[in-house]
Amino acid sequence: MISLQFLITAFVVVIAPGTGVIYTLALGLGQGRRAALIAALGCTLGIVPHLAAAILGLAAVLHTSALLFQIVKFAGVAYLLWLAYQALKSGGALSVSGDAQRQPAWAIARRGALINILNPKLSIFFLALLPPFLSGNAATASVEMATLGGIFMAMTFAVFVIYGVFAAAARDFLLGSERVMTWLNRSFAGIFTLLAGRLALEKA
C-alpha cells in the first residue's frame, strides 16, 4: 500500500508551487517564521474535507454535479482575488512590509484552510490519486485511503514548512528596500490573480 511509487508521486505533487505554497511564502516574508508555520498548518488542514469526501464518495457527486462544482469553484475564484487585493492593500493580510502587525494564529490558519477548501478539484484529485495505490481489499479500502491521505498531508505540511522557513529567513534581507517590498506585493497579487483565472477555467 505505502509504496515508494506513492511516496515519489505524492512528493512531486506537494513540492510543486501552488496556491498554498504562495500563501505560506507571503506570510513568511511578511510576518516571519511563526506566521509561516501557522499558514502551513492551515493549508494542510484544508485538505481534510477533500480527503473525507474522496473516502466517502462525495467527490464523485461533486464531479457529476455541475452546479455544485461551479458554486465551489467561483467561491474559490472570489477568495483568491480577495487575497490578491490583500497583497496590494497597505496593511493588508498578505502585504509584505517592515512594520506588519502580528496577526492572530486562527486568522492565518483559517485563510490557509479556505484556500484548499474552496478548490473543488482537490477532492477529485484524491479520488484519482489514491485508489491506484490501494491493496484491492474492499474491506480495508477506507482505512487505506485515510492512511495514504494522512501521509500526503504530513508531506504537505513538511514541505510547506520548509518553504515558509526559507521565506522567513530571507525576510530581513528583503525588508530593507521599499522597492523590493512593493515588487513582492505586486508579484503576490499577480500570482493570486493568475491562480484565480486558472481556477475559473477549470471544468468538472
C-alpha atoms as a PDB file:
ATOM      1  CA  MET A   1       0.000   0.000   0.000  1.00  0.00           C
ATOM      2  CA  ILE A   2       2.616   2.544   1.095  1.00  0.00           C
ATOM      3  CA  SER A   3       4.981   2.115  -1.816  1.00  0.00           C
ATOM      4  CA  LEU A   4       7.987   4.061  -2.998  1.00  0.00           C
ATOM      5  CA  GLN A   5       5.995   4.939  -6.101  1.00  0.00           C
ATOM      6  CA  PHE A   6       3.275   6.545  -3.995  1.00  0.00           C
ATOM      7  CA  LEU A   7       5.790   8.497  -1.909  1.00  0.00           C
ATOM      8  CA  ILE A   8       7.534   9.811  -5.029  1.00  0.00           C
ATOM      9  CA  THR A   9       4.225  10.713  -6.689  1.00  0.00           C
ATOM     10  CA  ALA A  10       2.974  12.492  -3.582  1.00  0.00           C
ATOM     11  CA  PHE A  11       6.259  14.348  -3.143  1.00  0.00           C
ATOM     12  CA  VAL A  12       6.247  15.593  -6.735  1.00  0.00           C
ATOM     13  CA  VAL A  13       2.691  16.865  -6.300  1.00  0.00           C
ATOM     14  CA  VAL A  14       3.398  18.526  -2.956  1.00  0.00           C
ATOM     15  CA  ILE A  15       6.672  20.230  -3.888  1.00  0.00           C
ATOM     16  CA  ALA A  16       5.195  21.898  -6.991  1.00  0.00           C
ATOM     17  CA  PRO A  17       4.460  25.543  -6.081  1.00  0.00           C
ATOM     18  CA  GLY A  18       0.716  26.110  -5.844  1.00  0.00           C
ATOM     19  CA  THR A  19      -1.681  28.426  -4.075  1.00  0.00           C
ATOM     20  CA  GLY A  20      -0.856  27.089  -0.615  1.00  0.00           C
ATOM     21  CA  VAL A  21       2.872  27.471  -1.177  1.00  0.00           C
ATOM     22  CA  ILE A  22       2.438  31.050  -2.394  1.00  0.00           C
ATOM     23  CA  TYR A  23       0.315  31.851   0.660  1.00  0.00           C
ATOM     24  CA  THR A  24       2.914  30.352   3.017  1.00  0.00           C
ATOM     25  CA  LEU A  25       5.730  32.238   1.302  1.00  0.00           C
ATOM     26  CA  ALA A  26       3.789  35.508   1.559  1.00  0.00           C
ATOM     27  CA  LEU A  27       3.207  35.010   5.278  1.00  0.00           C
ATOM     28  CA  GLY A  28       6.839  34.018   5.859  1.00  0.00           C
ATOM     29  CA  LEU A  29       8.109  37.118   4.089  1.00  0.00           C
ATOM     30  CA  GLY A  30       5.501  39.404   5.577  1.00  0.00           C
ATOM     31  CA  GLN A  31       5.401  38.229   9.190  1.00  0.00           C
ATOM     32  CA  GLY A  32       8.154  35.720   9.829  1.00  0.00           C
ATOM     33  CA  ARG A  33       8.553  32.083  10.804  1.00  0.00           C
ATOM     34  CA  ARG A  34       5.625  31.814  13.246  1.00  0.00           C
ATOM     35  CA  ALA A  35       3.126  33.025  10.667  1.00  0.00           C
ATOM     36  CA  ALA A  36       4.613  30.739   8.009  1.00  0.00           C
ATOM     37  CA  LEU A  37       4.262  27.666  10.248  1.00  0.00           C
ATOM     38  CA  ILE A  38       0.652  28.525  11.039  1.00  0.00           C
ATOM     39  CA  ALA A  39      -0.056  29.133   7.344  1.00  0.00           C
ATOM     40  CA  ALA A  40       1.409  25.710   6.501  1.00  0.00           C
ATOM     41  CA  LEU A  41      -0.776  24.104   9.169  1.00  0.00           C
ATOM     42  CA  GLY A  42      -3.896  25.873   7.918  1.00  0.00           C
ATOM     43  CA  CYS A  43      -3.283  24.833   4.308  1.00  0.00           C
ATOM     44  CA  THR A  44      -2.746  21.241   5.442  1.00  0.00           C
ATOM     45  CA  LEU A  45      -5.956  21.182   7.496  1.00  0.00           C
ATOM     46  CA  GLY A  46      -7.823  22.466   4.447  1.00  0.00           C
ATOM     47  CA  ILE A  47      -7.088  19.115   2.800  1.00  0.00           C
ATOM     48  CA  VAL A  48      -9.152  17.181   5.369  1.00  0.00           C
ATOM     49  CA  PRO A  49     -12.638  17.889   3.894  1.00  0.00           C
ATOM     50  CA  HIS A  50     -11.497  16.832   0.432  1.00  0.00           C
ATOM     51  CA  LEU A  51      -9.860  13.671   1.703  1.00  0.00           C
ATOM     52  CA  ALA A  52     -13.034  12.815   3.632  1.00  0.00           C
ATOM     53  CA  ALA A  53     -15.101  13.496   0.515  1.00  0.00           C
ATOM     54  CA  ALA A  54     -12.919  11.138  -1.522  1.00  0.00           C
ATOM     55  CA  ILE A  55     -13.164   8.396   1.112  1.00  0.00           C
ATOM     56  CA  LEU A  56     -16.944   8.744   1.445  1.00  0.00           C
ATOM     57  CA  GLY A  57     -17.516   9.005  -2.286  1.00  0.00           C
ATOM     58  CA  LEU A  58     -18.760  12.593  -2.167  1.00  0.00           C
ATOM     59  CA  ALA A  59     -16.028  13.651  -4.583  1.00  0.00           C
ATOM     60  CA  ALA A  60     -17.824  11.698  -7.294  1.00  0.00           C
ATOM     61  CA  VAL A  61     -21.009  13.638  -6.512  1.00  0.00           C
ATOM     62  CA  LEU A  62     -19.116  16.925  -6.837  1.00  0.00           C
ATOM     63  CA  HIS A  63     -17.617  15.746 -10.100  1.00  0.00           C
ATOM     64  CA  THR A  64     -21.008  14.860 -11.571  1.00  0.00           C
ATOM     65  CA  SER A  65     -22.887  17.895 -10.223  1.00  0.00           C
ATOM     66  CA  ALA A  66     -22.038  20.806 -12.498  1.00  0.00           C
ATOM     67  CA  LEU A  67     -23.915  23.321 -10.358  1.00  0.00           C
ATOM     68  CA  LEU A  68     -22.217  22.329  -7.091  1.00  0.00           C
ATOM     69  CA  PHE A  69     -18.816  22.323  -8.776  1.00  0.00           C
ATOM     70  CA  GLN A  70     -19.393  25.807 -10.212  1.00  0.00           C
ATOM     71  CA  ILE A  71     -20.550  27.204  -6.863  1.00  0.00           C
ATOM     72  CA  VAL A  72     -17.461  25.980  -5.037  1.00  0.00           C
ATOM     73  CA  LYS A  73     -15.197  26.976  -7.928  1.00  0.00           C
ATOM     74  CA  PHE A  74     -16.341  30.581  -8.170  1.00  0.00           C
ATOM     75  CA  ALA A  75     -16.301  30.948  -4.405  1.00  0.00           C
ATOM     76  CA  GLY A  76     -12.649  29.906  -4.673  1.00  0.00           C
ATOM     77  CA  VAL A  77     -12.047  32.377  -7.512  1.00  0.00           C
ATOM     78  CA  ALA A  78     -13.527  35.231  -5.473  1.00  0.00           C
ATOM     79  CA  TYR A  79     -11.411  34.232  -2.482  1.00  0.00           C
ATOM     80  CA  LEU A  80      -8.185  34.201  -4.491  1.00  0.00           C
ATOM     81  CA  LEU A  81      -8.983  37.646  -5.900  1.00  0.00           C
ATOM     82  CA  TRP A  82      -9.570  38.847  -2.336  1.00  0.00           C
ATOM     83  CA  LEU A  83      -6.129  37.507  -1.375  1.00  0.00           C
ATOM     84  CA  ALA A  84      -4.646  39.386  -4.347  1.00  0.00           C
ATOM     85  CA  TYR A  85      -6.253  42.569  -3.021  1.00  0.00           C
ATOM     86  CA  GLN A  86      -4.878  41.861   0.457  1.00  0.00           C
ATOM     87  CA  ALA A  87      -1.376  41.641  -1.017  1.00  0.00           C
ATOM     88  CA  LEU A  88      -1.702  45.046  -2.701  1.00  0.00           C
ATOM     89  CA  LYS A  89      -3.553  46.821   0.095  1.00  0.00           C
ATOM     90  CA  SER A  90      -1.372  48.755   2.535  1.00  0.00           C
ATOM     91  CA  GLY A  91      -1.614  46.874   5.819  1.00  0.00           C
ATOM     92  CA  GLY A  92      -3.465  44.005   4.119  1.00  0.00           C
ATOM     93  CA  ALA A  93      -3.393  40.463   5.426  1.00  0.00           C
ATOM     94  CA  LEU A  94      -0.757  39.422   2.862  1.00  0.00           C
ATOM     95  CA  SER A  95       1.085  42.712   2.498  1.00  0.00           C
ATOM     96  CA  VAL A  96       4.862  42.461   2.879  1.00  0.00           C
ATOM     97  CA  SER A  97       6.089  45.427   4.900  1.00  0.00           C
ATOM     98  CA  GLY A  98       8.634  46.242   7.545  1.00  0.00           C
ATOM     99  CA  ASP A  99       6.019  47.196  10.137  1.00  0.00           C
ATOM    100  CA  ALA A 100       3.476  44.429   9.584  1.00  0.00           C
ATOM    101  CA  GLN A 101       1.293  43.796  12.611  1.00  0.00           C
ATOM    102  CA  ARG A 102       1.236  40.329  14.113  1.00  0.00           C
ATOM    103  CA  GLN A 103      -1.961  38.582  13.058  1.00  0.00           C
ATOM    104  CA  PRO A 104      -3.944  36.110  15.199  1.00  0.00           C
ATOM    105  CA  ALA A 105      -2.984  32.493  14.590  1.00  0.00           C
ATOM    106  CA  TRP A 106      -6.600  31.484  13.931  1.00  0.00           C
ATOM    107  CA  ALA A 107      -6.952  34.096  11.177  1.00  0.00           C
ATOM    108  CA  ILE A 108      -3.788  32.938   9.403  1.00  0.00           C
ATOM    109  CA  ALA A 109      -4.784  29.265   9.677  1.00  0.00           C
ATOM    110  CA  ARG A 110      -8.367  29.959   8.566  1.00  0.00           C
ATOM    111  CA  ARG A 111      -7.245  31.750   5.411  1.00  0.00           C
ATOM    112  CA  GLY A 112      -4.856  28.904   4.590  1.00  0.00           C
ATOM    113  CA  ALA A 113      -7.549  26.286   5.137  1.00  0.00           C
ATOM    114  CA  LEU A 114     -10.027  28.147   2.923  1.00  0.00           C
ATOM    115  CA  ILE A 115      -7.525  28.174   0.067  1.00  0.00           C
ATOM    116  CA  ASN A 116      -7.809  24.389  -0.169  1.00  0.00           C
ATOM    117  CA  ILE A 117     -11.418  24.016   0.984  1.00  0.00           C
ATOM    118  CA  LEU A 118     -12.620  26.254  -1.864  1.00  0.00           C
ATOM    119  CA  ASN A 119     -10.701  24.303  -4.506  1.00  0.00           C
ATOM    120  CA  PRO A 120     -13.211  21.743  -5.888  1.00  0.00           C
ATOM    121  CA  LYS A 121     -10.528  19.955  -7.901  1.00  0.00           C
ATOM    122  CA  LEU A 122      -8.791  18.756  -4.760  1.00  0.00           C
ATOM    123  CA  SER A 123     -11.377  16.145  -3.778  1.00  0.00           C
ATOM    124  CA  ILE A 124     -11.468  14.875  -7.362  1.00  0.00           C
ATOM    125  CA  PHE A 125      -7.664  14.805  -7.281  1.00  0.00           C
ATOM    126  CA  PHE A 126      -7.696  12.486  -4.252  1.00  0.00           C
ATOM    127  CA  LEU A 127     -10.306  10.293  -5.915  1.00  0.00           C
ATOM    128  CA  ALA A 128      -7.884   9.857  -8.823  1.00  0.00           C
ATOM    129  CA  LEU A 129      -4.609   9.702  -6.868  1.00  0.00           C
ATOM    130  CA  LEU A 130      -5.295   7.262  -4.049  1.00  0.00           C
ATOM    131  CA  PRO A 131      -7.225   4.262  -5.498  1.00  0.00           C
ATOM    132  CA  PRO A 132      -4.369   3.008  -7.723  1.00  0.00           C
ATOM    133  CA  PHE A 133      -2.234   2.523  -4.611  1.00  0.00           C
ATOM    134  CA  LEU A 134      -4.817   0.522  -2.628  1.00  0.00           C
ATOM    135  CA  SER A 135      -4.369  -3.192  -1.949  1.00  0.00           C
ATOM    136  CA  GLY A 136      -7.645  -4.134  -3.623  1.00  0.00           C
ATOM    137  CA  ASN A 137      -9.282  -5.329  -0.412  1.00  0.00           C
ATOM    138  CA  ALA A 138     -12.683  -3.609  -0.271  1.00  0.00           C
ATOM    139  CA  ALA A 139     -12.943  -4.169   3.496  1.00  0.00           C
ATOM    140  CA  THR A 140      -9.871  -2.033   4.206  1.00  0.00           C
ATOM    141  CA  ALA A 141     -10.186   0.475   1.359  1.00  0.00           C
ATOM    142  CA  SER A 142     -11.382   3.359   3.538  1.00  0.00           C
ATOM    143  CA  VAL A 143      -8.636   2.817   6.106  1.00  0.00           C
ATOM    144  CA  GLU A 144      -6.010   2.579   3.393  1.00  0.00           C
ATOM    145  CA  MET A 145      -7.216   5.783   1.726  1.00  0.00           C
ATOM    146  CA  ALA A 146      -7.189   7.568   5.087  1.00  0.00           C
ATOM    147  CA  THR A 147      -3.643   6.323   5.739  1.00  0.00           C
ATOM    148  CA  LEU A 148      -2.358   7.405   2.331  1.00  0.00           C
ATOM    149  CA  GLY A 149      -4.151  10.724   2.706  1.00  0.00           C
ATOM    150  CA  GLY A 150      -2.566  11.206   6.126  1.00  0.00           C
ATOM    151  CA  ILE A 151       0.875  10.606   4.655  1.00  0.00           C
ATOM    152  CA  PHE A 152       0.114  13.096   1.875  1.00  0.00           C
ATOM    153  CA  MET A 153      -0.941  15.677   4.465  1.00  0.00           C
ATOM    154  CA  ALA A 154       2.206  15.111   6.529  1.00  0.00           C
ATOM    155  CA  MET A 155       4.362  15.593   3.441  1.00  0.00           C
ATOM    156  CA  THR A 156       2.384  18.720   2.543  1.00  0.00           C
ATOM    157  CA  PHE A 157       2.955  20.235   5.971  1.00  0.00           C
ATOM    158  CA  ALA A 158       6.690  19.367   5.972  1.00  0.00           C
ATOM    159  CA  VAL A 159       7.305  20.827   2.509  1.00  0.00           C
ATOM    160  CA  PHE A 160       5.262  23.950   3.235  1.00  0.00           C
ATOM    161  CA  VAL A 161       7.204  24.476   6.468  1.00  0.00           C
ATOM    162  CA  ILE A 162      10.477  24.341   4.528  1.00  0.00           C
ATOM    163  CA  TYR A 163       9.168  26.918   2.052  1.00  0.00           C
ATOM    164  CA  GLY A 164       7.917  29.097   4.905  1.00  0.00           C
ATOM    165  CA  VAL A 165      11.106  28.923   6.960  1.00  0.00           C
ATOM    166  CA  PHE A 166      13.135  29.803   3.884  1.00  0.00           C
ATOM    167  CA  ALA A 167      10.915  32.831   3.248  1.00  0.00           C
ATOM    168  CA  ALA A 168      11.154  33.910   6.886  1.00  0.00           C
ATOM    169  CA  ALA A 169      14.956  33.654   6.747  1.00  0.00           C
ATOM    170  CA  ALA A 170      15.005  35.889   3.668  1.00  0.00           C
ATOM    171  CA  ARG A 171      12.671  38.419   5.307  1.00  0.00           C
ATOM    172  CA  ASP A 172      15.357  40.544   6.989  1.00  0.00           C
ATOM    173  CA  PHE A 173      17.336  40.822   3.750  1.00  0.00           C
ATOM    174  CA  LEU A 174      14.341  41.985   1.722  1.00  0.00           C
ATOM    175  CA  LEU A 175      12.528  44.353   4.060  1.00  0.00           C
ATOM    176  CA  GLY A 176      15.270  46.961   3.949  1.00  0.00           C
ATOM    177  CA  SER A 177      14.206  48.020   0.458  1.00  0.00           C
ATOM    178  CA  GLU A 178      10.886  49.743  -0.149  1.00  0.00           C
ATOM    179  CA  ARG A 179      11.214  48.970  -3.834  1.00  0.00           C
ATOM    180  CA  VAL A 180      11.651  45.249  -3.185  1.00  0.00           C
ATOM    181  CA  MET A 181       8.619  45.165  -0.866  1.00  0.00           C
ATOM    182  CA  THR A 182       6.486  46.886  -3.496  1.00  0.00           C
ATOM    183  CA  TRP A 183       7.676  44.408  -6.114  1.00  0.00           C
ATOM    184  CA  LEU A 184       6.896  41.462  -3.807  1.00  0.00           C
ATOM    185  CA  ASN A 185       3.391  42.676  -3.040  1.00  0.00           C
ATOM    186  CA  ARG A 186       2.615  43.247  -6.719  1.00  0.00           C
ATOM    187  CA  SER A 187       4.062  39.830  -7.574  1.00  0.00           C
ATOM    188  CA  PHE A 188       1.963  38.020  -4.965  1.00  0.00           C
ATOM    189  CA  ALA A 189      -1.137  39.908  -6.108  1.00  0.00           C
ATOM    190  CA  GLY A 190      -0.412  38.998  -9.715  1.00  0.00           C
ATOM    191  CA  ILE A 191       0.148  35.333  -8.880  1.00  0.00           C
ATOM    192  CA  PHE A 192      -3.099  35.057  -6.909  1.00  0.00           C
ATOM    193  CA  THR A 193      -4.946  36.745  -9.778  1.00  0.00           C
ATOM    194  CA  LEU A 194      -3.480  34.280 -12.274  1.00  0.00           C
ATOM    195  CA  LEU A 195      -4.377  31.358  -9.993  1.00  0.00           C
ATOM    196  CA  ALA A 196      -7.925  32.712  -9.778  1.00  0.00           C
ATOM    197  CA  GLY A 197      -8.078  32.860 -13.558  1.00  0.00           C
ATOM    198  CA  ARG A 198      -6.802  29.303 -13.877  1.00  0.00           C
ATOM    199  CA  LEU A 199      -9.363  28.063 -11.349  1.00  0.00           C
ATOM    200  CA  ALA A 200     -12.147  29.876 -13.223  1.00  0.00           C
ATOM    201  CA  LEU A 201     -11.264  27.899 -16.358  1.00  0.00           C
ATOM    202  CA  GLU A 202     -11.324  24.509 -14.575  1.00  0.00           C
ATOM    203  CA  LYS A 203     -14.022  22.071 -15.574  1.00  0.00           C
ATOM    204  CA  ALA A 204     -15.537  19.250 -13.540  1.00  0.00           C
END
